[in-house]
Amino acid sequence: MSSKDSTRNPGRLRSAIAAAALFGVAGTASAEPVSLTLDYTCPFPLIGEQTITAEINTDIAAEVTAPSELGPFDIEATTTVPAAAVEGLSLVGATTIEGTATNESTVVTPAREIPQTVNLTIPQSGFPDEPQAFTVPASGSTSVVSIEAQDVGDGQVTVGGLTLDMTARLPDGSIAPAPVGEFTAECTQVAGQDNVLQSFTVSAEPQDPDIAVDPASISFPDVTTGDTSSTRTVTVSNEGDGALTVSGASLAGSNPGAFSIVNNGCGEVAVGNSCAIDLTFSPPMAQDYSAELQIASNDPDEATKTVSLTGTGTIEQFAEITVTPESVDFGGVQMGNSAEQTVTVTNEGNIGLGINGVSLSGATDAFTQTSDCGSSVAAGASCTVTVTYMPTAQGDQNATLSIASTDEDEPTVDVALSGSGEMAPTGELHVSPDTVEFGSVTVGENATQDVTVSNTGDAGFNVTAVNLGGANVGDFTIIGNDCGTVAGSGSCTVSVQFTPSTEGARSASLTVETDLGENASETIELTGTGGETGGGGTIETAFDLSGETFIKAADSSLPLSGTIDAVLELASGTFTADLDLDPTSGSFKAFGFVNAKAKVAFEPVGETTGTLNNGNLSAESQLYVKVPKVTAKLFFFRVPIGGGPDCRTMDPVNLSLATPEGESFAPRSGGPVTGTYSVPALENCGPLTGLLNQFLAGPGNTIDLTLTGQSGSGNDSDGDSGDSGQDEGEKDGKKKRFSWWRR
């Protein structure tokens, strides 16, 4: 057959068309040329299975970036159809063939297999008149394949089987008779062939971070100098495809020291995530401040991101109240009188202090207030509140002064007010002694004694008269009177002289009159005895004494008892006496821990002498202090440690006694006397004499005695001395035992 006839061979044409369908997965996308030749067996009508050969040519990239698209690819194919196919088509008189082919191919990646169905168009083609192999062109395009991140790695495009849908036509253009006119052939790829059209590598597209900050600027509210603002937050986000690394956050600009990064929570920030940087503003002075927050990261486009910071420092505007004093004590105020004190209100703030009210609570009938504060007090200024106290009752009274202001920290300040109502001071008359005893005075002679007029109150009074009265008023005379106005707690003296006109008991009264009103006068008794002319003018009196002496060195007290017999010269007020102190005993601590006990006796030296004038007694005595025995308790036994019959003070003790101030001493009834003295060193007391001196000898010792007149004593020298009811033997034989007070 000629070449012209061969173009009309339908079998050769069908083979070419089938081969073209194999190239559906090739294309050109930044690709390189690829070529693949495959053999297929296809079942043709009438002639059975025939082998066709297809050469596929297209452009497919060997390097693919994910994510991206693979395809579409244009297919150009040349198919060689065997001669037998032409014979089959010629049997029914067909001269052309046309149709479509569907290829099932696969794009293979490490993560998946992507099936591809490729539709190819087979244009109408003639075939040779005589049976011989011929070539048929075919063309088409693949669909788009989306390559994703999961596909990264080595991949392939493989070609699989195909299906032919063919139409053979007669010369007049009509479809050839069956079974050749229209048929479908399922072609099978010959086994053992390399069906890889192209091998490629999928690489991940470079992933970069993209930093974003919010807000881009921060304007802090005004902050008082010295204070710190609330926290403001900058959010750092990663809007890119790769991990964001925030390598640092710092402050720069004009005033970085006024701002602080209090928290930096940024480091590695994943894609789509965010972190926070917290800042505060602390202005040191009142002015405007600015700075910028610099955030360093691995963003390739913005290695440093900045956030502008601004703020203003201000001076705190405040009013501050100070009230002085915090409390007011008026003390005692006499009823009917008043007292004033001032409370100062000061504004130590820098704006005006509003005064919302000044009020009193409590004993408001006794306390009142006036204020010059008005409605406000300027910064640094003061005002005063004058408080007046006029007691309405005797005793303590209290109130509270409340000052309300616009000080936010101390809106109300309370000042405690106190005072005490006191009765008006009064004078109080007291005349002493109650009885003035002149004793026995020789008729025609005289004796003088003083009467004290005292004001025991706290207000003065006037002595309006001093009068004598009574049975023998003529024997008594007021020879001195310095009383006029007697101040509170003051006194004056009235001197009375007794001149008996006859022998025997004589009496009168002395009355002191004042302007006190109630209890304005007081009367005392005056007594004396007229003695025989030429008599001695003395009285004999005896007293029992009791009391104690405090030994300073031993820090202990020793009880005392005894008697004193005295002869008093009435005219001169002098006396002599015999002092007789009973032996006593006491305890003390030796060495600070040993309980020692001492017996003590007294040996008078001469007579006791002294005076008794106007109820005041003064006496001088001398005596030795003897320590006959001292024992110490050791292990439940008392052991002698000193003393002896010759143990006594080296020198006599000089003992001075006197009536205490405010007391009086009567010739018959007696009274209290006190004194101080020193104990000389002891001698002849054994080996421990030095120890005993530590606890007995030395100055600063005191004595307190009460002398009580014995029954029947006090007879004058012209009468019978009487009997005390106790014979001398009994008196001398008295033995009394006492114990020192332990401290």
Foldseek 3Di string as FASTA:
>chain_A
DDQQQFQQQQQLLQQQQQQQQQAAQAADDVFAKFKDKFWKWKQAPPQGTDIKIKIKIWTFHQEAEAFDKGDFGKIKMKMKGALSGSVVLPVQQFFKKWFKKWWWKWKFAPQDIHIWIGIKGFDITGGHNHRGIDMGIIMGTTDMDGDHPSRAFKIFIFTFWMKTWMATAHPVGHFTDPPNGTDMITMHTDPPGRRTRHMHGYHYDDWFWDKDKPPQADEFEEAAAPDKGDKDKIKIATQIRAKKAFPDKAKADDCRVQKDFPDDQGGIAGHGGIGMIIMMGHDNDFAKDKIKIWIAIRGVVPRIRIHIYIYGYDHDAFWDKDKPPQAAEPEEDEAPDKDKDKIKIFTQGQAKKFWPDKDKAFPVVFKDKDWPCPGIAGHGGMTMIMMMGHDPDAFKGKMWIWIAIPGPVDRIRIYIYMYGYDHDWAWAWDKPDQEAELEEDAAQDKAKAKIKIFTQIQAKWFFPDKDKFDDPSVQKDFPDWPGTIAHHRGMTMTMMMGHDNDFAKDKIKIKIAIPRPVNRMDIGIYIYGHDHHPDQQKFKFKWKKWFWKQFVLQRWIWTKTFMKIWIARSRFQKIKIATAIAKEKEWGDFPNHWIKIWIKHKAWDDIKIWGAGNQKTKIKTWIKIATQWMWTQDPNDTHTDWGRPQKIAPGIKIWIKMADPPHGADPAAGFKIKTWTFTHQIPPIPPCSVRVCSNHGGGDMMIIMTIGTQPQGTGGPVDDRDDSPADPVRNVPDHDYDYMDDD
